[in-house]
């Protein structure tokens, strides 16, 4: 669900912080948008797993929908990345 996806984002960054890292230099999420049906069909063939639950899972992996509208997970990813962003390099002492 969109809510569980957002919770996954929170939990991921919480785990990074729990490991002792307060700053993240870069972050990538594998599927920014939901997968189109043609790609889901290709995955089903490749994994030899034509199951409705697997198809449903694959079609909802993105943090944005197929029309590029952000889902709650995207907003949480951006929020958490901002919290973990290091200070810009080379700006200390500049006026």
C-alpha atoms as a PDB file:
ATOM      1  CA  UNK A   1       0.000   0.000   0.000  1.00  0.00           C
ATOM      2  CA  UNK A   2       1.157   3.612  -0.407  1.00  0.00           C
ATOM      3  CA  UNK A   3       1.239   4.011   3.371  1.00  0.00           C
ATOM      4  CA  UNK A   4       3.422   0.935   3.861  1.00  0.00           C
ATOM      5  CA  UNK A   5       5.747   2.162   1.142  1.00  0.00           C
ATOM      6  CA  UNK A   6       6.175   5.464   3.022  1.00  0.00           C
ATOM      7  CA  UNK A   7       6.792   3.505   6.228  1.00  0.00           C
ATOM      8  CA  UNK A   8       9.468   1.500   4.389  1.00  0.00           C
ATOM      9  CA  UNK A   9      11.220   4.768   3.498  1.00  0.00           C
ATOM     10  CA  UNK A  10      11.122   5.929   7.139  1.00  0.00           C
ATOM     11  CA  UNK A  11      12.347   2.555   8.390  1.00  0.00           C
ATOM     12  CA  UNK A  12      15.188   2.480   5.852  1.00  0.00           C
ATOM     13  CA  UNK A  13      16.557   5.842   6.923  1.00  0.00           C
ATOM     14  CA  UNK A  14      15.983   4.968  10.602  1.00  0.00           C
ATOM     15  CA  UNK A  15      18.131   1.849  10.072  1.00  0.00           C
ATOM     16  CA  UNK A  16      20.875   3.975   8.506  1.00  0.00           C
ATOM     17  CA  UNK A  17      20.807   6.319  11.494  1.00  0.00           C
ATOM     18  CA  UNK A  18      20.734   3.380  13.938  1.00  0.00           C
ATOM     19  CA  UNK A  19      23.901   2.069  12.300  1.00  0.00           C
ATOM     20  CA  UNK A  20      25.623   5.287  13.322  1.00  0.00           C
ATOM     21  CA  UNK A  21      25.440   7.292  10.118  1.00  0.00           C
ATOM     22  CA  UNK A  22      23.731  10.667  10.328  1.00  0.00           C
ATOM     23  CA  UNK A  23      24.535  11.815   6.792  1.00  0.00           C
ATOM     24  CA  UNK A  24      23.856  10.135   3.471  1.00  0.00           C
ATOM     25  CA  UNK A  25      25.924  11.236   0.489  1.00  0.00           C
ATOM     26  CA  UNK A  26      23.640   9.694  -2.119  1.00  0.00           C
ATOM     27  CA  UNK A  27      20.431   7.707  -2.290  1.00  0.00           C
ATOM     28  CA  UNK A  28      18.763   5.856  -5.126  1.00  0.00           C
ATOM     29  CA  UNK A  29      15.429   4.113  -5.229  1.00  0.00           C
ATOM     30  CA  UNK A  30      15.270   1.393  -7.876  1.00  0.00           C
ATOM     31  CA  UNK A  31      11.910   2.227  -9.469  1.00  0.00           C
ATOM     32  CA  UNK A  32      10.950   5.882  -9.351  1.00  0.00           C
ATOM     33  CA  UNK A  33       7.626   5.224 -11.081  1.00  0.00           C
ATOM     34  CA  UNK A  34       5.227   2.306 -11.159  1.00  0.00           C
ATOM     35  CA  UNK A  35       6.081  -0.231 -13.826  1.00  0.00           C
ATOM     36  CA  UNK A  36       4.022  -0.314 -17.019  1.00  0.00           C
ATOM     37  CA  UNK A  37       2.120  -3.490 -17.827  1.00  0.00           C
ATOM     38  CA  UNK A  38       4.422  -4.477 -20.713  1.00  0.00           C
ATOM     39  CA  UNK A  39       7.410  -4.498 -18.335  1.00  0.00           C
ATOM     40  CA  UNK A  40       5.466  -6.435 -15.703  1.00  0.00           C
ATOM     41  CA  UNK A  41       4.675  -9.000 -18.410  1.00  0.00           C
ATOM     42  CA  UNK A  42       8.387  -9.298 -19.211  1.00  0.00           C
ATOM     43  CA  UNK A  43       9.265  -9.835 -15.540  1.00  0.00           C
ATOM     44  CA  UNK A  44       6.556 -12.503 -15.239  1.00  0.00           C
ATOM     45  CA  UNK A  45       8.101 -14.371 -18.178  1.00  0.00           C
ATOM     46  CA  UNK A  46      11.667 -13.914 -16.909  1.00  0.00           C
ATOM     47  CA  UNK A  47      10.845 -15.133 -13.390  1.00  0.00           C
ATOM     48  CA  UNK A  48       8.430 -17.813 -14.639  1.00  0.00           C
ATOM     49  CA  UNK A  49       5.930 -16.644 -12.039  1.00  0.00           C
ATOM     50  CA  UNK A  50       2.573 -15.720 -13.564  1.00  0.00           C
ATOM     51  CA  UNK A  51       0.728 -15.088 -10.328  1.00  0.00           C
ATOM     52  CA  UNK A  52      -1.796 -12.239  -9.796  1.00  0.00           C
ATOM     53  CA  UNK A  53      -0.185 -11.271  -6.477  1.00  0.00           C
ATOM     54  CA  UNK A  54       3.273 -11.077  -8.086  1.00  0.00           C
ATOM     55  CA  UNK A  55       1.856  -8.938 -10.907  1.00  0.00           C
ATOM     56  CA  UNK A  56       0.134  -6.631  -8.404  1.00  0.00           C
ATOM     57  CA  UNK A  57       3.365  -6.324  -6.421  1.00  0.00           C
ATOM     58  CA  UNK A  58       5.375  -5.399  -9.520  1.00  0.00           C
ATOM     59  CA  UNK A  59       2.886  -2.760 -10.684  1.00  0.00           C
ATOM     60  CA  UNK A  60       3.168  -0.798  -7.429  1.00  0.00           C
ATOM     61  CA  UNK A  61       6.926  -0.641  -6.762  1.00  0.00           C
ATOM     62  CA  UNK A  62       7.418   2.968  -7.844  1.00  0.00           C
ATOM     63  CA  UNK A  63       7.468   5.975  -5.558  1.00  0.00           C
ATOM     64  CA  UNK A  64       5.515   7.848  -8.245  1.00  0.00           C
ATOM     65  CA  UNK A  65       2.592   6.540 -10.256  1.00  0.00           C
ATOM     66  CA  UNK A  66       2.615   5.986 -14.028  1.00  0.00           C
ATOM     67  CA  UNK A  67       1.486   9.603 -14.529  1.00  0.00           C
ATOM     68  CA  UNK A  68       4.461  10.854 -12.455  1.00  0.00           C
ATOM     69  CA  UNK A  69       2.271  11.848  -9.507  1.00  0.00           C
ATOM     70  CA  UNK A  70       4.148  11.426  -6.219  1.00  0.00           C
ATOM     71  CA  UNK A  71       2.940   8.801  -3.790  1.00  0.00           C
ATOM     72  CA  UNK A  72       3.422   9.162  -0.005  1.00  0.00           C
ATOM     73  CA  UNK A  73       6.630   7.114  -0.273  1.00  0.00           C
ATOM     74  CA  UNK A  74       8.158   9.704  -2.609  1.00  0.00           C
ATOM     75  CA  UNK A  75       7.415  12.550  -0.231  1.00  0.00           C
ATOM     76  CA  UNK A  76       8.888  10.539   2.651  1.00  0.00           C
ATOM     77  CA  UNK A  77      11.986   9.656   0.594  1.00  0.00           C
ATOM     78  CA  UNK A  78      12.577  13.358  -0.157  1.00  0.00           C
ATOM     79  CA  UNK A  79      11.946  14.328   3.487  1.00  0.00           C
ATOM     80  CA  UNK A  80      14.306  11.690   4.852  1.00  0.00           C
ATOM     81  CA  UNK A  81      16.992  12.509   2.269  1.00  0.00           C
ATOM     82  CA  UNK A  82      16.838  16.167   3.292  1.00  0.00           C
ATOM     83  CA  UNK A  83      17.252  15.206   6.955  1.00  0.00           C
ATOM     84  CA  UNK A  84      20.308  13.103   6.103  1.00  0.00           C
ATOM     85  CA  UNK A  85      21.871  15.534   3.635  1.00  0.00           C
ATOM     86  CA  UNK A  86      25.384  16.673   4.554  1.00  0.00           C
ATOM     87  CA  UNK A  87      26.243  20.368   4.656  1.00  0.00           C
ATOM     88  CA  UNK A  88      27.462  21.759   1.313  1.00  0.00           C
ATOM     89  CA  UNK A  89      31.225  21.441   0.844  1.00  0.00           C
ATOM     90  CA  UNK A  90      33.343  24.589   0.755  1.00  0.00           C
ATOM     91  CA  UNK A  91      30.793  26.967   2.250  1.00  0.00           C
ATOM     92  CA  UNK A  92      32.188  27.195   5.790  1.00  0.00           C
ATOM     93  CA  UNK A  93      33.446  30.684   6.573  1.00  0.00           C
ATOM     94  CA  UNK A  94      32.133  32.261   3.364  1.00  0.00           C
ATOM     95  CA  UNK A  95      30.104  35.444   3.598  1.00  0.00           C
END
